[in-house]
Protein backbone atom coordinates (compact mmCIF):
# COMPACT_ATOMS: atom_id res chain seq x y z
CA MET A 1 0.00 0.00 0.00
CA PRO A 2 1.21 3.58 -0.57
CA LEU A 3 2.52 5.69 2.28
CA LYS A 4 -0.27 7.05 4.44
CA LEU A 5 -0.21 9.82 7.02
CA TYR A 6 -1.81 9.44 10.41
CA ARG A 7 -1.55 11.25 13.71
CA ARG A 8 -0.58 10.06 17.14
CA GLY A 9 -1.40 12.70 19.65
CA GLU A 10 -0.15 15.88 18.01
CA ILE A 11 2.65 14.33 15.91
CA TRP A 12 2.19 13.02 12.36
CA TYR A 13 3.47 9.59 11.32
CA TYR A 14 3.46 7.54 8.14
CA SER A 15 3.41 3.84 7.21
CA GLY A 16 3.13 1.80 4.03
CA THR A 17 5.18 0.24 1.25
CA ILE A 18 6.78 1.59 -1.92
CA GLY A 19 8.07 -0.15 -5.00
CA PRO A 20 7.37 -2.98 -7.41
CA ARG A 21 6.75 -6.55 -6.32
CA GLY A 22 9.94 -8.22 -5.17
CA ARG A 23 11.67 -4.91 -4.42
CA ARG A 24 9.19 -3.25 -2.13
CA LYS A 25 10.40 -1.21 0.80
CA ARG A 26 8.24 -1.13 3.90
CA PHE A 27 7.96 1.81 6.29
CA ARG A 28 6.25 1.31 9.63
CA ASP A 29 5.39 4.01 12.17
CA GLN A 30 7.89 6.56 10.89
CA SER A 31 7.66 9.87 12.75
CA CYS A 32 7.62 13.15 10.84
CA PHE A 33 8.54 15.00 14.04
CA THR A 34 6.02 17.74 13.30
CA LYS A 35 2.52 18.82 14.25
CA ASP A 36 1.95 20.46 10.87
CA LYS A 37 0.18 18.16 8.42
CA ASP A 38 1.41 20.05 5.35
CA ILE A 39 5.04 19.70 6.43
CA ALA A 40 4.47 16.02 7.19
CA ALA A 41 2.90 15.48 3.75
CA ARG A 42 5.90 17.12 2.10
CA GLN A 43 8.25 14.78 3.98
CA VAL A 44 6.29 11.74 2.83
CA ALA A 45 6.38 12.95 -0.77
CA GLU A 46 10.16 13.43 -0.54
CA VAL A 47 10.57 9.90 0.83
CA GLU A 48 8.64 8.50 -2.12
CA VAL A 49 10.56 10.56 -4.68
CA ALA A 50 13.87 9.52 -3.14
CA TYR A 51 12.92 5.85 -3.25
CA TRP A 52 11.94 5.89 -6.92
CA LYS A 53 15.02 7.89 -7.85
CA GLY A 54 17.17 5.26 -6.14
CA HIS A 55 15.17 2.49 -7.77
CA PHE A 56 15.68 3.79 -11.29
CA ASP A 57 19.06 5.54 -11.00
CA GLY A 58 20.76 3.33 -8.41
CA PRO A 59 21.57 3.85 -4.71
CA ALA A 60 24.27 6.41 -5.46
CA ALA A 61 21.61 8.81 -6.67
CA ILE A 62 20.11 9.18 -3.18
CA LEU A 63 22.89 8.21 -0.75
CA THR A 64 23.64 11.05 1.67
CA PHE A 65 26.78 11.37 3.73
CA ALA A 66 24.69 10.96 6.89
CA GLN A 67 23.34 7.65 5.60
CA ALA A 68 26.82 6.50 4.61
CA ALA A 69 28.12 7.48 8.05
CA ALA A 70 25.32 5.52 9.72
CA ASN A 71 26.22 2.42 7.67
CA TYR A 72 29.87 2.90 8.63
CA ARG A 73 29.06 3.11 12.35
CA ASN A 74 26.66 0.18 12.20
CA ALA A 75 29.50 -1.92 10.83
CA GLY A 76 31.42 -1.28 14.04
CA LYS A 77 33.99 1.01 12.47
CA SER A 78 35.76 3.65 14.51
CA ASP A 79 33.95 6.99 14.35
CA ARG A 80 36.68 9.09 15.93
CA TRP A 81 36.63 12.60 14.40
CA LEU A 82 33.51 11.73 12.41
CA ASP A 83 30.91 13.81 14.26
CA LYS A 84 32.04 17.22 13.00
CA VAL A 85 32.52 15.97 9.46
CA GLU A 86 29.05 14.42 9.44
CA ALA A 87 27.50 17.60 10.82
CA HIS A 88 29.16 19.55 8.01
CA PHE A 89 28.12 17.34 5.10
CA GLY A 90 24.92 15.99 6.66
CA HIS A 91 22.38 15.39 3.92
CA THR A 92 24.75 16.26 1.09
CA LEU A 93 24.64 13.53 -1.53
CA VAL A 94 27.83 11.52 -1.51
CA LYS A 95 28.06 11.79 -5.29
CA ASP A 96 28.29 15.58 -4.92
CA ILE A 97 31.21 15.51 -2.45
CA THR A 98 34.34 16.40 -4.39
CA GLU A 99 38.00 16.66 -3.45
CA GLN A 100 37.63 20.45 -3.37
CA ALA A 101 34.60 20.17 -1.09
CA VAL A 102 36.56 17.99 1.32
CA HIS A 103 39.46 20.45 1.45
CA GLU A 104 37.06 23.35 2.02
CA MET A 105 35.39 21.38 4.81
CA ALA A 106 38.74 20.70 6.47
CA LYS A 107 39.71 24.39 6.47
CA THR A 108 36.25 25.42 7.68
CA LEU A 109 36.17 23.01 10.61
CA TYR A 110 39.81 23.38 11.62
CA PRO A 111 41.11 26.74 10.32
CA ASN A 112 44.16 26.88 12.58
CA CYS A 113 45.29 23.25 12.40
CA SER A 114 48.39 21.85 10.75
CA GLY A 115 48.31 19.71 7.65
CA ALA A 116 48.83 16.57 9.73
CA SER A 117 45.80 17.42 11.89
CA LEU A 118 43.65 18.23 8.85
CA ASN A 119 44.58 14.87 7.33
CA ARG A 120 43.74 13.01 10.52
CA MET A 121 40.59 14.82 11.66
CA ALA A 122 38.95 15.80 8.36
CA ILE A 123 40.18 13.98 5.27
CA THR A 124 40.61 10.50 6.74
CA PRO A 125 37.04 10.25 8.16
CA VAL A 126 35.53 11.29 4.81
CA LEU A 127 37.60 8.76 2.88
CA ALA A 128 36.79 6.01 5.39
CA VAL A 129 33.01 6.56 5.23
CA ILE A 130 32.64 7.02 1.48
CA ASN A 131 35.02 4.26 0.46
CA TYR A 132 33.35 1.86 2.89
CA ALA A 133 30.05 2.63 1.16
CA ALA A 134 31.76 2.11 -2.19
CA LYS A 135 32.78 -1.41 -1.15
CA SER A 136 29.09 -2.11 -0.57
CA LYS A 137 28.33 -0.87 -4.12
CA LEU A 138 26.34 2.10 -2.76
CA CYS A 139 28.45 4.76 -4.47
CA SER A 140 31.69 5.37 -6.31
CA PRO A 141 34.98 5.54 -4.36
CA ILE A 142 36.63 8.88 -3.75
CA SER A 143 40.27 9.94 -3.62
CA VAL A 144 41.45 13.10 -1.90
CA GLU A 145 45.01 14.38 -1.83
CA TYR A 146 46.34 14.70 1.68
CA TYR A 147 47.97 17.90 2.85
CA LYS A 148 51.75 17.77 2.75
CA VAL A 149 53.28 17.25 6.16
CA GLU A 150 56.79 18.23 7.11
CA GLN A 151 58.29 15.23 8.85
CA LYS A 152 59.88 16.27 12.11
CA VAL A 153 62.40 14.27 14.05
CA LYS A 154 60.65 12.92 17.13
CA ASP A 155 61.86 13.74 20.60
CA ILE A 156 62.87 10.39 22.02
CA ALA A 157 63.43 9.12 25.52
CA THR A 158 66.69 7.25 26.00
CA LEU A 159 67.50 4.64 28.61
CA GLU A 160 69.55 7.26 30.47
CA TRP A 161 66.59 9.67 30.44
CA VAL A 162 64.28 6.97 31.82
CA GLU A 163 66.78 6.15 34.57
CA GLN A 164 66.99 9.79 35.68
CA PHE A 165 63.22 10.12 35.50
CA ARG A 166 62.67 7.07 37.72
CA LYS A 167 65.08 8.33 40.35
CA HIS A 168 62.86 11.36 40.95
CA ALA A 169 59.43 9.88 40.19
CA ALA A 170 56.85 8.18 42.36
CA PRO A 171 57.02 4.37 41.92
CA HIS A 172 53.94 4.03 39.73
CA VAL A 173 54.77 6.77 37.23
CA GLY A 174 58.44 5.77 37.20
CA THR A 175 57.57 2.17 36.36
CA LEU A 176 55.08 3.45 33.78
CA ALA A 177 57.92 5.20 31.94
CA LEU A 178 60.09 2.08 32.05
CA PHE A 179 57.20 -0.06 30.81
CA MET A 180 56.53 2.19 27.81
CA TYR A 181 60.23 2.38 26.93
CA LEU A 182 60.78 -1.39 27.07
CA THR A 183 57.50 -2.49 25.44
CA GLY A 184 56.68 0.39 23.10
CA ALA A 185 53.22 0.72 24.63
CA ARG A 186 51.21 3.87 24.05
CA VAL A 187 50.40 5.75 27.25
CA GLY A 188 46.69 4.87 27.01
CA GLU A 189 47.52 1.20 26.52
CA ALA A 190 49.83 1.27 29.53
CA ILE A 191 47.32 3.02 31.79
CA ASP A 192 44.66 0.47 30.77
CA LEU A 193 46.91 -2.46 31.69
CA GLN A 194 45.32 -4.68 34.36
CA TRP A 195 47.09 -7.04 36.72
CA GLU A 196 45.31 -10.04 35.20
CA ASP A 197 47.03 -9.15 31.91
CA VAL A 198 50.48 -9.43 33.50
CA ASP A 199 52.35 -12.71 34.05
CA LEU A 200 55.51 -11.87 35.95
CA LYS A 201 56.67 -15.48 36.02
CA ALA A 202 56.42 -15.79 32.24
CA GLN A 203 57.67 -12.20 31.83
CA THR A 204 54.77 -11.20 29.60
CA ALA A 205 52.06 -8.57 29.44
CA LEU A 206 48.95 -8.59 27.27
CA ILE A 207 48.66 -5.13 25.69
CA ARG A 208 45.32 -4.19 24.18
CA GLU A 209 46.15 -1.98 21.23
CA SER A 210 43.99 1.15 21.41
CA LYS A 211 44.38 2.24 17.78
CA MET A 212 43.68 -1.05 16.01
CA ASN A 213 41.40 -2.87 18.44
CA LYS A 214 43.90 -5.75 18.58
CA GLU A 215 46.11 -7.35 21.20
CA ARG A 216 49.77 -8.20 21.42
CA VAL A 217 51.87 -9.99 24.01
CA SER A 218 54.99 -8.10 25.03
CA HIS A 219 58.08 -9.52 26.70
CA LEU A 220 59.00 -7.96 30.04
CA PRO A 221 62.77 -7.68 30.60
CA MET A 222 63.80 -8.64 34.12
CA PRO A 223 64.39 -5.06 35.38
CA LEU A 224 60.80 -4.31 34.41
CA VAL A 225 59.57 -7.49 36.12
CA VAL A 226 61.32 -6.39 39.31
CA ALA A 227 59.86 -2.88 39.11
CA LEU A 228 56.34 -4.23 38.52
CA SER A 229 56.61 -6.76 41.36
CA ASN A 230 57.46 -3.93 43.76
CA LEU A 231 54.42 -1.84 42.85
CA GLU A 232 51.64 -1.49 45.37
CA LYS A 233 48.35 -2.77 43.97
CA ILE A 234 45.58 -0.19 44.20
CA LYS A 235 42.10 -1.66 44.48
CA GLY A 236 39.85 -0.87 41.53
CA ARG A 237 42.68 0.50 39.39
CA GLY A 238 45.07 -0.76 36.77
CA VAL A 239 48.69 -1.73 37.20
CA PHE A 240 49.97 1.84 37.25
CA GLY A 241 47.20 3.23 39.44
CA TYR A 242 45.86 5.91 37.12
CA ASN A 243 42.26 5.98 35.93
CA LYS A 244 42.52 9.39 34.26
CA SER A 245 45.32 10.75 32.13
CA PRO A 246 45.36 14.19 33.89
CA ASP A 247 46.46 12.46 37.12
CA GLN A 248 49.24 10.68 35.29
CA HIS A 249 50.20 13.88 33.45
CA ASN A 250 50.61 15.86 36.66
CA ALA A 251 52.79 13.17 38.25
CA TRP A 252 54.84 12.98 35.05
CA VAL A 253 55.50 16.73 34.96
CA ARG A 254 56.46 16.87 38.64
CA ALA A 255 59.01 14.07 38.18
CA ILE A 256 60.63 15.88 35.25
CA GLU A 257 60.83 19.10 37.25
CA ARG A 258 62.48 17.34 40.19
CA ALA A 259 64.93 15.49 37.93
CA LYS A 260 65.77 18.68 35.98
CA ILE A 261 65.85 16.74 32.72
CA LYS A 262 64.59 17.56 29.24
CA PRO A 263 60.78 17.75 29.31
CA LEU A 264 59.48 14.85 27.23
CA THR A 265 55.98 13.49 26.84
CA PRO A 266 55.09 9.90 27.76
CA HIS A 267 54.84 9.11 24.04
CA SER A 268 58.56 9.90 23.76
CA CYS A 269 59.16 6.56 25.48
CA ARG A 270 57.43 4.79 22.59
CA HIS A 271 59.55 6.82 20.18
CA GLY A 272 62.63 5.80 22.12
CA PHE A 273 61.63 2.13 21.95
CA ALA A 274 61.46 2.17 18.15
CA THR A 275 64.53 4.33 17.62
CA ALA A 276 66.74 2.32 19.97
CA LEU A 277 65.80 -0.99 18.37
CA LEU A 278 66.40 0.33 14.85
CA ARG A 279 69.78 1.74 15.83
CA ARG A 280 70.73 -1.64 17.27
CA GLY A 281 70.08 -3.29 13.94
CA VAL A 282 66.64 -4.79 14.52
CA ASP A 283 64.81 -4.81 11.19
CA VAL A 284 61.89 -2.47 10.70
CA VAL A 285 59.32 -5.26 10.20
CA THR A 286 60.21 -6.75 13.58
CA VAL A 287 60.11 -3.36 15.28
CA ALA A 288 56.62 -2.76 13.89
CA TRP A 289 55.49 -6.16 15.17
CA LEU A 290 57.03 -5.68 18.61
CA GLY A 291 55.52 -2.24 19.11
CA GLY A 292 52.11 -2.76 17.55
CA TRP A 293 52.51 -0.43 14.57
CA LYS A 294 50.14 -1.18 11.71
CA THR A 295 52.84 -1.41 9.06
CA ALA A 296 56.60 -1.40 8.77
CA ALA A 297 56.25 1.54 6.39
CA GLN A 298 54.76 3.60 9.22
CA VAL A 299 57.76 2.86 11.43
CA LEU A 300 60.20 3.61 8.63
CA LYS A 301 58.52 6.90 7.77
CA THR A 302 58.45 8.05 11.39
CA TYR A 303 61.74 6.74 12.73
CA GLY A 304 63.92 5.98 9.70
CA HIS A 305 66.13 9.05 10.00
CA ALA A 306 69.59 9.04 8.55
CA ASN A 307 72.58 8.82 10.82
CA LYS A 308 74.43 11.77 9.29
CA ASN A 309 77.97 10.65 9.95
CA PRO A 310 80.02 10.68 6.71
CA LYS A 311 82.66 8.43 8.27
CA LEU A 312 80.20 5.52 8.21
CA VAL A 313 81.53 4.68 4.73
CA GLU A 314 84.58 3.27 6.54
CA LEU A 315 82.34 0.30 7.40
CA LEU A 316 82.63 -0.79 3.77
CA LEU A 317 86.27 -1.68 4.37
CA HIS A 318 85.72 -3.75 7.48
CA ALA A 319 83.56 -6.77 8.12
CA PRO A 320 81.30 -5.79 11.02
CA ALA A 321 81.33 -7.99 14.06
CA THR A 322 78.12 -9.98 14.29
CA GLN A 323 76.56 -11.89 17.09
CA GLU A 324 73.77 -14.40 16.76
CA ILE A 325 70.89 -13.30 18.96
CA GLU A 326 68.90 -16.15 20.40
CA ASP A 327 65.70 -15.92 22.36
CA SER A 328 67.76 -16.45 25.49
CA SER A 329 69.41 -13.10 24.89
CA LEU A 330 66.32 -11.54 26.39
CA SER A 331 67.15 -13.07 29.76
CA ALA A 332 67.99 -10.90 32.75
CA SER A 333 71.70 -11.58 32.50
CA LYS A 334 71.88 -9.90 29.08
CA ILE A 335 69.78 -6.83 29.83
CA THR A 336 71.29 -3.76 31.39
CA THR A 337 70.08 -3.47 34.95
CA ILE A 338 68.16 -0.27 35.51
């Protein structure tokens, strides 16, 4: 039956079916969110027109960004940064969203942000939503050129920095720094670590990767095992005792001030993890696997900086000393005591 208007209380609703046999679409108790019958009737007419346009011209003819975003969320995809983008494009047809429109949206929503931020918060969500819909044959895929980003050398924490930090830090935040440096964990992943995820006897910790919704098991060198075993367990909290990042941040800053060392962020420990392993000859694929990076290319792009020492060419004349590294090399006797 065609769509019919009816009223419940003061609000108008509609129900019915549209379309030919075998491809009918049923609507049941759909609210028009209005008390005005004329406005409600116009909404119903627009629903019918949209259906027939999609029926004859294909789903791409009527797919809005809001609908594509809803499909994306319903599939369980991450919607970080999506709200503002969706509010901007809203009922704009996906087929009408061009590369220029995406760049204009990025500058409108985030006028003072860097290229890296615009890529992350504006362009990436649009590409994710539209290209997910394209995989479902609802529209055509889209490509948008990312803003150029000047790659900066990351500030890294070294083992010496971590040692000085721990000497002047409270036990929990000091061990937190050591944990991030020796496992490559992100600060959020470390703060979320629970005691049931830690096996001190096996020297392992289960890290739940916040960015990729995955898990990895990290080896705990013996100095870290000792530091963890000496931590006081706080009821209702994770291993490091922080439920909120501001609490951890304040303790972190105070320790740096007392130690009078270079002010680094917790993420610098993750940077230090990758950089130190690469400089010790561990291949980039292994570093990516150990630290939970999505790809080796990401590690190489971020941490693959040249060692600008022209005398390195001397290595071509000498066979470098090599040492076979077995799994046992991770034992306590072969790790610098901290």
